């Protein structure tokens, strides 16, 4: 059951990353056109900087869950790889619990900020007067997806820890090994080639 939920969340987070990437690309095109129009035609697309800021903020949160599921968040692992797997499993779960605590506070105030903007009909202090609840809605969606994913990963890791399955904890929440990073970056092609050479079957 846990594996099925993990796979489903991974697919949803991947869709969110694709949507966020497309939005960032559109914002980059908009800013580029604005720069060229300002340079060669002395006209400007009002709001390109404002909207690109909204897009950047929202798409950043949309990538959080994908980052968590793929263990791509930056961590200092100078001593991590020297510690026994049993201890690192405890540290991984403790790290997730601290992150969950932080995100619960952040999500709480994010909801308050969104509701406040909605109720008071707050607008940006620009000529566009963009209703703030619109960009905050996408920002809140990314945070909510991350918070839900984080709860699941914490429960999954804690269950594996209680079962003394240290390898599973590492697979869910641990720092990726060098071989795992290589496989992620190359989709397993180079890793398979190295393995074949070691077995004497490669060219």
C-alpha atoms as a PDB file:
ATOM      1  CA  UNK A   1       0.000   0.000   0.000  1.00  0.00           C
ATOM      2  CA  UNK A   2       2.778   2.434   0.903  1.00  0.00           C
ATOM      3  CA  UNK A   3       4.580   1.772  -2.372  1.00  0.00           C
ATOM      4  CA  UNK A   4       1.394   2.411  -4.373  1.00  0.00           C
ATOM      5  CA  UNK A   5       0.768   5.724  -2.595  1.00  0.00           C
ATOM      6  CA  UNK A   6       4.422   6.694  -3.039  1.00  0.00           C
ATOM      7  CA  UNK A   7       4.185   5.993  -6.768  1.00  0.00           C
ATOM      8  CA  UNK A   8       0.958   7.991  -7.081  1.00  0.00           C
ATOM      9  CA  UNK A   9       2.388  10.985  -5.218  1.00  0.00           C
ATOM     10  CA  UNK A  10       5.510  10.815  -7.356  1.00  0.00           C
ATOM     11  CA  UNK A  11       3.404  10.978 -10.518  1.00  0.00           C
ATOM     12  CA  UNK A  12       1.358  13.909  -9.204  1.00  0.00           C
ATOM     13  CA  UNK A  13       4.498  15.782  -8.177  1.00  0.00           C
ATOM     14  CA  UNK A  14       5.998  15.151 -11.606  1.00  0.00           C
ATOM     15  CA  UNK A  15       2.942  16.694 -13.257  1.00  0.00           C
ATOM     16  CA  UNK A  16       3.263  19.675 -10.918  1.00  0.00           C
ATOM     17  CA  UNK A  17       6.925  20.071 -11.906  1.00  0.00           C
ATOM     18  CA  UNK A  18       6.014  19.961 -15.608  1.00  0.00           C
ATOM     19  CA  UNK A  19       3.343  22.617 -15.121  1.00  0.00           C
ATOM     20  CA  UNK A  20       5.755  24.745 -13.116  1.00  0.00           C
ATOM     21  CA  UNK A  21       8.480  24.362 -15.735  1.00  0.00           C
ATOM     22  CA  UNK A  22       6.090  25.386 -18.505  1.00  0.00           C
ATOM     23  CA  UNK A  23       5.034  28.427 -16.474  1.00  0.00           C
ATOM     24  CA  UNK A  24       8.669  29.416 -15.907  1.00  0.00           C
ATOM     25  CA  UNK A  25       9.383  29.055 -19.611  1.00  0.00           C
ATOM     26  CA  UNK A  26       6.385  31.229 -20.456  1.00  0.00           C
ATOM     27  CA  UNK A  27       7.538  33.851 -17.944  1.00  0.00           C
ATOM     28  CA  UNK A  28      11.045  33.803 -19.441  1.00  0.00           C
ATOM     29  CA  UNK A  29       9.611  34.316 -22.941  1.00  0.00           C
ATOM     30  CA  UNK A  30       7.450  37.172 -21.669  1.00  0.00           C
ATOM     31  CA  UNK A  31      10.403  38.922 -20.019  1.00  0.00           C
ATOM     32  CA  UNK A  32      12.559  38.395 -23.128  1.00  0.00           C
ATOM     33  CA  UNK A  33       9.908  39.916 -25.386  1.00  0.00           C
ATOM     34  CA  UNK A  34       9.560  42.812 -22.983  1.00  0.00           C
ATOM     35  CA  UNK A  35      13.318  43.470 -23.102  1.00  0.00           C
ATOM     36  CA  UNK A  36      13.425  43.384 -26.902  1.00  0.00           C
ATOM     37  CA  UNK A  37      10.316  45.562 -27.231  1.00  0.00           C
ATOM     38  CA  UNK A  38      11.791  48.090 -24.825  1.00  0.00           C
ATOM     39  CA  UNK A  39      15.131  48.090 -26.648  1.00  0.00           C
ATOM     40  CA  UNK A  40      14.000  48.298 -30.275  1.00  0.00           C
ATOM     41  CA  UNK A  41      10.486  49.783 -30.127  1.00  0.00           C
ATOM     42  CA  UNK A  42      10.592  51.840 -26.895  1.00  0.00           C
ATOM     43  CA  UNK A  43       7.490  50.125 -25.572  1.00  0.00           C
ATOM     44  CA  UNK A  44       7.090  47.973 -22.508  1.00  0.00           C
ATOM     45  CA  UNK A  45       4.850  45.091 -21.507  1.00  0.00           C
ATOM     46  CA  UNK A  46       3.545  46.349 -18.212  1.00  0.00           C
ATOM     47  CA  UNK A  47       3.654  43.752 -15.463  1.00  0.00           C
ATOM     48  CA  UNK A  48       6.145  41.277 -16.913  1.00  0.00           C
ATOM     49  CA  UNK A  49       8.397  41.643 -13.880  1.00  0.00           C
ATOM     50  CA  UNK A  50       5.466  41.360 -11.483  1.00  0.00           C
ATOM     51  CA  UNK A  51       3.994  38.258 -13.108  1.00  0.00           C
ATOM     52  CA  UNK A  52       7.391  36.577 -13.417  1.00  0.00           C
ATOM     53  CA  UNK A  53       7.817  37.051  -9.665  1.00  0.00           C
ATOM     54  CA  UNK A  54       4.472  35.400  -9.014  1.00  0.00           C
ATOM     55  CA  UNK A  55       5.361  32.524 -11.330  1.00  0.00           C
ATOM     56  CA  UNK A  56       8.743  31.997  -9.697  1.00  0.00           C
ATOM     57  CA  UNK A  57       7.233  31.931  -6.215  1.00  0.00           C
ATOM     58  CA  UNK A  58       4.458  29.492  -7.135  1.00  0.00           C
ATOM     59  CA  UNK A  59       6.559  27.130  -9.243  1.00  0.00           C
ATOM     60  CA  UNK A  60       9.203  26.910  -6.536  1.00  0.00           C
ATOM     61  CA  UNK A  61       6.682  25.444  -4.097  1.00  0.00           C
ATOM     62  CA  UNK A  62       5.382  23.079  -6.797  1.00  0.00           C
ATOM     63  CA  UNK A  63       8.830  21.479  -6.980  1.00  0.00           C
ATOM     64  CA  UNK A  64       9.081  20.808  -3.242  1.00  0.00           C
ATOM     65  CA  UNK A  65       7.244  17.475  -3.234  1.00  0.00           C
ATOM     66  CA  UNK A  66       9.186  16.173  -6.248  1.00  0.00           C
ATOM     67  CA  UNK A  67      12.416  17.151  -4.517  1.00  0.00           C
ATOM     68  CA  UNK A  68      11.380  15.343  -1.338  1.00  0.00           C
ATOM     69  CA  UNK A  69      10.340  12.120  -3.076  1.00  0.00           C
ATOM     70  CA  UNK A  70      13.575  12.032  -5.073  1.00  0.00           C
ATOM     71  CA  UNK A  71      15.649  13.020  -2.011  1.00  0.00           C
ATOM     72  CA  UNK A  72      17.113  15.939  -3.961  1.00  0.00           C
ATOM     73  CA  UNK A  73      17.116  18.387  -1.073  1.00  0.00           C
ATOM     74  CA  UNK A  74      20.582  19.617  -0.160  1.00  0.00           C
ATOM     75  CA  UNK A  75      22.034  18.074   3.000  1.00  0.00           C
ATOM     76  CA  UNK A  76      25.492  18.119   4.562  1.00  0.00           C
ATOM     77  CA  UNK A  77      26.595  14.489   4.473  1.00  0.00           C
ATOM     78  CA  UNK A  78      30.284  14.738   5.397  1.00  0.00           C
ATOM     79  CA  UNK A  79      29.792  12.425   8.391  1.00  0.00           C
ATOM     80  CA  UNK A  80      26.531  10.831   7.274  1.00  0.00           C
ATOM     81  CA  UNK A  81      28.160   8.139   5.127  1.00  0.00           C
ATOM     82  CA  UNK A  82      30.494   7.171   7.979  1.00  0.00           C
ATOM     83  CA  UNK A  83      27.671   6.520  10.456  1.00  0.00           C
ATOM     84  CA  UNK A  84      26.081   3.042  10.747  1.00  0.00           C
ATOM     85  CA  UNK A  85      22.851   2.578   8.797  1.00  0.00           C
ATOM     86  CA  UNK A  86      20.830   2.074  11.971  1.00  0.00           C
ATOM     87  CA  UNK A  87      21.797   5.489  13.332  1.00  0.00           C
ATOM     88  CA  UNK A  88      21.294   7.266  10.009  1.00  0.00           C
ATOM     89  CA  UNK A  89      17.792   5.794   9.856  1.00  0.00           C
ATOM     90  CA  UNK A  90      16.961   7.440  13.189  1.00  0.00           C
ATOM     91  CA  UNK A  91      18.513  10.711  12.011  1.00  0.00           C
ATOM     92  CA  UNK A  92      16.499  10.619   8.787  1.00  0.00           C
ATOM     93  CA  UNK A  93      13.217  10.216  10.644  1.00  0.00           C
ATOM     94  CA  UNK A  94      14.167  12.940  13.139  1.00  0.00           C
ATOM     95  CA  UNK A  95      15.013  15.245  10.233  1.00  0.00           C
ATOM     96  CA  UNK A  96      11.633  14.560   8.643  1.00  0.00           C
ATOM     97  CA  UNK A  97       9.839  15.259  11.925  1.00  0.00           C
ATOM     98  CA  UNK A  98      11.598  18.622  12.272  1.00  0.00           C
ATOM     99  CA  UNK A  99      10.780  19.499   8.666  1.00  0.00           C
ATOM    100  CA  UNK A 100       7.156  18.488   9.248  1.00  0.00           C
ATOM    101  CA  UNK A 101       6.989  20.728  12.302  1.00  0.00           C
ATOM    102  CA  UNK A 102       8.399  23.664  10.345  1.00  0.00           C
ATOM    103  CA  UNK A 103       6.058  23.094   7.387  1.00  0.00           C
ATOM    104  CA  UNK A 104       3.015  22.834   9.652  1.00  0.00           C
ATOM    105  CA  UNK A 105       3.747  26.334  10.937  1.00  0.00           C
ATOM    106  CA  UNK A 106       4.506  27.692   7.478  1.00  0.00           C
ATOM    107  CA  UNK A 107       1.375  26.117   5.961  1.00  0.00           C
ATOM    108  CA  UNK A 108      -0.762  27.502   8.786  1.00  0.00           C
ATOM    109  CA  UNK A 109       0.360  31.061   8.134  1.00  0.00           C
ATOM    110  CA  UNK A 110       0.147  30.561   4.372  1.00  0.00           C
ATOM    111  CA  UNK A 111      -3.536  29.664   4.735  1.00  0.00           C
ATOM    112  CA  UNK A 112      -4.086  32.691   6.958  1.00  0.00           C
ATOM    113  CA  UNK A 113      -2.402  34.932   4.386  1.00  0.00           C
ATOM    114  CA  UNK A 114      -4.536  33.526   1.560  1.00  0.00           C
ATOM    115  CA  UNK A 115      -7.802  33.833   3.502  1.00  0.00           C
ATOM    116  CA  UNK A 116      -6.898  37.379   4.541  1.00  0.00           C
ATOM    117  CA  UNK A 117      -6.228  38.378   0.921  1.00  0.00           C
ATOM    118  CA  UNK A 118      -9.491  36.748  -0.186  1.00  0.00           C
ATOM    119  CA  UNK A 119     -11.661  38.332   2.505  1.00  0.00           C
ATOM    120  CA  UNK A 120     -10.142  41.803   2.236  1.00  0.00           C
ATOM    121  CA  UNK A 121      -9.790  41.622  -1.560  1.00  0.00           C
ATOM    122  CA  UNK A 122      -6.140  42.694  -1.286  1.00  0.00           C
ATOM    123  CA  UNK A 123      -4.429  43.857  -4.477  1.00  0.00           C
ATOM    124  CA  UNK A 124      -0.813  44.483  -5.390  1.00  0.00           C
ATOM    125  CA  UNK A 125       0.554  48.008  -5.010  1.00  0.00           C
ATOM    126  CA  UNK A 126       1.243  48.276  -8.750  1.00  0.00           C
ATOM    127  CA  UNK A 127      -0.547  49.750 -11.737  1.00  0.00           C
ATOM    128  CA  UNK A 128      -1.985  46.296 -12.494  1.00  0.00           C
ATOM    129  CA  UNK A 129      -3.588  45.949  -9.073  1.00  0.00           C
ATOM    130  CA  UNK A 130      -3.453  42.147  -9.217  1.00  0.00           C
ATOM    131  CA  UNK A 131      -5.731  40.456  -6.637  1.00  0.00           C
ATOM    132  CA  UNK A 132      -3.243  38.806  -4.304  1.00  0.00           C
ATOM    133  CA  UNK A 133      -5.331  35.700  -3.720  1.00  0.00           C
ATOM    134  CA  UNK A 134      -4.759  34.561  -7.325  1.00  0.00           C
ATOM    135  CA  UNK A 135      -0.956  34.072  -7.165  1.00  0.00           C
ATOM    136  CA  UNK A 136      -1.271  32.989  -3.526  1.00  0.00           C
ATOM    137  CA  UNK A 137      -3.652  30.224  -4.597  1.00  0.00           C
ATOM    138  CA  UNK A 138      -0.994  28.571  -6.782  1.00  0.00           C
ATOM    139  CA  UNK A 139       1.624  29.161  -4.101  1.00  0.00           C
ATOM    140  CA  UNK A 140      -0.645  27.557  -1.519  1.00  0.00           C
ATOM    141  CA  UNK A 141      -1.315  24.593  -3.812  1.00  0.00           C
ATOM    142  CA  UNK A 142       2.413  23.823  -3.986  1.00  0.00           C
ATOM    143  CA  UNK A 143       2.764  24.092  -0.217  1.00  0.00           C
ATOM    144  CA  UNK A 144      -0.282  21.878   0.358  1.00  0.00           C
ATOM    145  CA  UNK A 145       1.040  19.215  -2.017  1.00  0.00           C
ATOM    146  CA  UNK A 146       4.390  19.293  -0.255  1.00  0.00           C
ATOM    147  CA  UNK A 147       2.809  19.138   3.205  1.00  0.00           C
ATOM    148  CA  UNK A 148       0.666  16.130   2.261  1.00  0.00           C
ATOM    149  CA  UNK A 149       3.658  14.399   0.666  1.00  0.00           C
ATOM    150  CA  UNK A 150       5.781  15.145   3.719  1.00  0.00           C
ATOM    151  CA  UNK A 151       3.204  13.620   6.074  1.00  0.00           C
ATOM    152  CA  UNK A 152       3.119  10.464   3.975  1.00  0.00           C
ATOM    153  CA  UNK A 153       6.925  10.181   3.738  1.00  0.00           C
ATOM    154  CA  UNK A 154       7.220  10.664   7.506  1.00  0.00           C
ATOM    155  CA  UNK A 155       4.650   7.928   8.245  1.00  0.00           C
ATOM    156  CA  UNK A 156       6.245   5.618   5.665  1.00  0.00           C
ATOM    157  CA  UNK A 157       9.726   6.175   7.105  1.00  0.00           C
ATOM    158  CA  UNK A 158       8.562   5.824  10.700  1.00  0.00           C
ATOM    159  CA  UNK A 159       6.821   2.536   9.861  1.00  0.00           C
ATOM    160  CA  UNK A 160       9.986   1.224   8.224  1.00  0.00           C
ATOM    161  CA  UNK A 161      12.003   2.365  11.232  1.00  0.00           C
ATOM    162  CA  UNK A 162       9.723   0.532  13.677  1.00  0.00           C
ATOM    163  CA  UNK A 163      10.108  -2.572  11.503  1.00  0.00           C
ATOM    164  CA  UNK A 164      13.896  -2.142  11.707  1.00  0.00           C
ATOM    165  CA  UNK A 165      14.094  -1.951   7.942  1.00  0.00           C
ATOM    166  CA  UNK A 166      17.063   0.413   7.804  1.00  0.00           C
ATOM    167  CA  UNK A 167      17.548   0.029   4.043  1.00  0.00           C
ATOM    168  CA  UNK A 168      13.959   1.046   3.352  1.00  0.00           C
ATOM    169  CA  UNK A 169      14.305   4.154   5.532  1.00  0.00           C
ATOM    170  CA  UNK A 170      17.412   5.089   3.574  1.00  0.00           C
ATOM    171  CA  UNK A 171      15.573   4.501   0.295  1.00  0.00           C
ATOM    172  CA  UNK A 172      12.681   6.729   1.361  1.00  0.00           C
ATOM    173  CA  UNK A 173      14.380   9.534   3.267  1.00  0.00           C
ATOM    174  CA  UNK A 174      18.126   8.956   3.311  1.00  0.00           C
ATOM    175  CA  UNK A 175      20.904  10.723   1.446  1.00  0.00           C
ATOM    176  CA  UNK A 176      21.277   9.161  -2.032  1.00  0.00           C
ATOM    177  CA  UNK A 177      24.471   7.235  -2.654  1.00  0.00           C
ATOM    178  CA  UNK A 178      26.823   8.164  -5.500  1.00  0.00           C
ATOM    179  CA  UNK A 179      25.557   5.283  -7.624  1.00  0.00           C
ATOM    180  CA  UNK A 180      21.935   6.340  -7.031  1.00  0.00           C
ATOM    181  CA  UNK A 181      22.762   9.908  -8.079  1.00  0.00           C
ATOM    182  CA  UNK A 182      24.480   8.644 -11.218  1.00  0.00           C
ATOM    183  CA  UNK A 183      21.537   6.432 -12.079  1.00  0.00           C
ATOM    184  CA  UNK A 184      19.103   9.296 -11.518  1.00  0.00           C
ATOM    185  CA  UNK A 185      21.102  11.642 -13.744  1.00  0.00           C
ATOM    186  CA  UNK A 186      21.766   9.136 -16.538  1.00  0.00           C
ATOM    187  CA  UNK A 187      18.592   7.045 -16.201  1.00  0.00           C
ATOM    188  CA  UNK A 188      20.727   3.995 -15.506  1.00  0.00           C
ATOM    189  CA  UNK A 189      22.510   3.897 -18.870  1.00  0.00           C
ATOM    190  CA  UNK A 190      26.059   4.550 -17.654  1.00  0.00           C
ATOM    191  CA  UNK A 191      25.525   2.475 -14.543  1.00  0.00           C
ATOM    192  CA  UNK A 192      24.467  -0.506 -16.673  1.00  0.00           C
ATOM    193  CA  UNK A 193      27.503  -0.057 -18.923  1.00  0.00           C
ATOM    194  CA  UNK A 194      29.869  -0.070 -15.933  1.00  0.00           C
ATOM    195  CA  UNK A 195      28.206  -3.181 -14.564  1.00  0.00           C
ATOM    196  CA  UNK A 196      28.613  -4.976 -17.877  1.00  0.00           C
ATOM    197  CA  UNK A 197      32.290  -4.112 -18.027  1.00  0.00           C
ATOM    198  CA  UNK A 198      32.805  -5.422 -14.524  1.00  0.00           C
ATOM    199  CA  UNK A 199      31.152  -8.674 -15.545  1.00  0.00           C
ATOM    200  CA  UNK A 200      33.337  -8.901 -18.635  1.00  0.00           C
ATOM    201  CA  UNK A 201      30.401  -8.653 -21.033  1.00  0.00           C
ATOM    202  CA  UNK A 202      30.984  -5.077 -22.178  1.00  0.00           C
ATOM    203  CA  UNK A 203      33.002  -3.997 -25.198  1.00  0.00           C
END
